[in-house]
Protein backbone atom coordinates (compact mmCIF):
# COMPACT_ATOMS: atom_id res chain seq x y z
CA MET A 1 0.00 0.00 0.00
CA ALA A 2 1.47 3.29 -1.12
CA THR A 3 1.29 6.32 1.15
CA ARG A 4 0.88 9.81 -0.14
CA LYS A 5 2.96 12.61 1.14
CA ALA A 6 0.90 15.67 2.06
CA SER A 7 2.14 18.93 0.64
CA SER A 8 2.95 21.70 3.10
CA LYS A 9 0.87 24.30 1.26
CA SER A 10 -2.91 24.19 1.18
CA LYS A 11 -4.61 24.70 -2.19
CA ARG A 12 -7.86 25.98 -0.69
CA PRO A 13 -9.14 29.30 -2.03
CA VAL A 14 -9.17 32.22 0.39
CA ALA A 15 -12.66 33.31 1.45
CA ARG A 16 -13.17 36.96 0.70
CA GLY A 17 -15.71 39.40 2.06
CA LYS A 18 -17.60 42.21 0.34
CA SER A 19 -14.51 44.40 0.32
CA GLY A 20 -12.58 41.79 -1.63
CA ARG A 21 -10.06 41.34 1.15
CA PRO A 22 -9.45 38.15 3.11
CA PRO A 23 -10.89 38.22 6.65
CA ARG A 24 -7.50 38.80 8.28
CA GLN A 25 -6.96 41.99 6.26
CA ARG A 26 -10.40 43.61 6.64
CA HIS A 27 -9.49 45.80 9.56
CA ALA A 28 -5.78 46.12 8.95
CA GLN A 29 -5.88 49.89 9.03
CA ALA A 30 -7.94 50.00 12.24
CA HIS A 31 -5.65 47.49 13.93
CA ALA A 32 -2.56 49.42 12.84
CA ALA A 33 -4.01 52.63 14.25
CA HIS A 34 -4.87 50.86 17.49
CA ARG A 35 -1.35 49.49 17.84
CA ALA A 36 0.14 52.92 17.10
CA LYS A 37 -1.97 54.52 19.85
CA ALA A 38 -1.09 51.78 22.33
CA SER A 39 2.64 52.05 21.64
CA THR A 40 2.78 55.80 22.38
CA GLY A 41 2.21 55.16 26.08
CA SER A 42 -0.40 57.90 26.37
CA ALA A 43 -3.77 57.74 28.09
CA SER A 44 -5.23 55.96 25.07
CA SER A 45 -3.15 52.90 25.88
CA THR A 46 -5.32 52.34 28.97
CA GLN A 47 -8.41 51.72 26.84
CA LYS A 48 -9.89 48.28 27.14
CA TRP A 49 -9.90 45.66 24.39
CA SER A 50 -13.70 45.87 24.39
CA HIS A 51 -13.51 49.48 23.17
CA HIS A 52 -11.43 48.31 20.24
CA VAL A 53 -13.97 45.55 19.54
CA MET A 54 -16.83 48.06 19.51
CA GLU A 55 -14.91 50.27 17.08
CA THR A 56 -13.77 47.58 14.63
CA SER A 57 -16.19 44.70 15.10
CA ASP A 58 -17.12 42.87 11.93
CA ALA A 59 -20.18 41.37 13.56
CA MET A 60 -22.97 43.80 12.85
CA ASP A 61 -23.55 47.39 11.77
CA ILE A 62 -25.67 49.16 14.36
CA GLU A 63 -26.88 52.74 14.68
CA HIS A 64 -24.36 55.06 16.27
CA ASP A 65 -25.01 55.59 20.01
CA ILE A 66 -28.23 53.55 19.90
CA PHE A 67 -27.56 52.21 23.41
CA LYS A 68 -27.09 55.68 24.88
CA THR A 69 -30.20 57.28 23.43
CA GLY A 70 -33.72 56.09 22.98
CA SER A 71 -36.14 53.93 24.86
CA ALA A 72 -36.13 50.17 25.27
CA GLU A 73 -38.50 49.81 22.30
CA THR A 74 -36.24 51.92 20.08
CA ILE A 75 -33.16 49.92 21.03
CA ALA A 76 -34.89 46.57 20.46
CA HIS A 77 -36.33 47.68 17.10
CA SER A 78 -32.95 49.01 15.90
CA LEU A 79 -31.09 45.85 16.95
CA LYS A 80 -33.67 43.65 15.25
CA GLN A 81 -33.38 45.59 11.99
CA SER A 82 -29.57 45.61 12.11
CA SER A 83 -29.27 41.90 12.82
CA ALA A 84 -31.78 41.00 10.11
CA ARG A 85 -29.92 43.13 7.53
CA SER A 86 -26.45 41.91 8.44
CA ARG A 87 -24.87 39.29 6.21
CA ARG A 88 -21.76 39.00 8.35
CA ARG A 89 -23.29 37.39 11.40
CA LYS A 90 -22.55 33.80 12.30
CA GLY A 91 -25.63 32.95 14.33
CA THR A 92 -29.30 33.74 13.98
CA PRO A 93 -30.49 37.36 13.95
CA PHE A 94 -31.81 36.93 17.50
CA GLN A 95 -28.46 35.63 18.75
CA SER A 96 -26.56 38.48 17.13
CA ALA A 97 -28.86 41.17 18.48
CA MET A 98 -28.92 39.76 22.01
CA SER A 99 -25.14 39.26 22.01
CA MET A 100 -24.55 42.88 21.00
CA LEU A 101 -26.87 44.12 23.75
CA ASN A 102 -25.24 41.89 26.38
CA PHE A 103 -21.79 42.94 25.22
CA TYR A 104 -22.67 46.60 25.72
CA ILE A 105 -24.15 45.99 29.18
CA ASN A 106 -21.13 43.95 30.29
CA ARG A 107 -18.68 46.44 28.82
CA ALA A 108 -20.25 49.32 30.73
CA GLY A 109 -19.98 47.36 33.98
CA LYS A 110 -20.25 49.38 37.18
CA ASN A 111 -20.20 52.67 35.27
CA LEU A 112 -23.72 52.07 33.92
CA PRO A 113 -26.33 54.00 35.97
CA LYS A 114 -29.16 51.93 37.44
CA THR A 115 -31.80 53.70 35.36
CA ARG A 116 -29.90 53.01 32.12
CA ARG A 117 -29.28 49.39 33.12
CA ALA A 118 -33.02 48.99 33.78
CA THR A 119 -33.78 50.41 30.32
CA LEU A 120 -31.33 48.00 28.68
CA GLN A 121 -32.77 45.05 30.61
CA GLN A 122 -36.22 46.13 29.38
CA ALA A 123 -34.77 46.26 25.84
CA LYS A 124 -33.76 42.61 26.26
CA ARG A 125 -37.36 41.71 27.08
CA LYS A 126 -38.64 43.74 24.11
CA LEU A 127 -36.09 42.07 21.84
CA ARG A 128 -37.29 38.63 22.92
CA GLU A 129 -40.89 39.70 22.21
CA ALA A 130 -39.92 41.12 18.79
CA PHE A 131 -38.41 37.78 17.79
CA GLY A 132 -41.32 35.78 19.22
CA ARG A 133 -39.29 34.26 22.06
CA GLU A 134 -40.59 33.63 25.56
CA PRO A 135 -39.23 35.94 28.28
């Protein structure tokens, strides 16, 4: 029985996004800018990785400052529309929308006022209702 020797290079085609770039190059400019800021040693180097994720995330395009303004209904409606429109999400629209909302709540942490946290928790309930899920 003859054995085949596997070649060291893969012949698979590279998956490309809408921009025509491979996934690892999509945010090259944003990552380079982030590294440049971090290497200067200024106050910007103390920013959390989650801030960088919010700025450069390839997960979903959402309205600017939607979590800071608007009511629970507005937030839920906007997230539902954004997740339904997005072609770059990996999960279902509901999973993407809920993940983005949870990510924002967790990122804010203790700095989130109780009234705003209550509004965002209400937005979670509204989001479940909008997708026909049980609370």
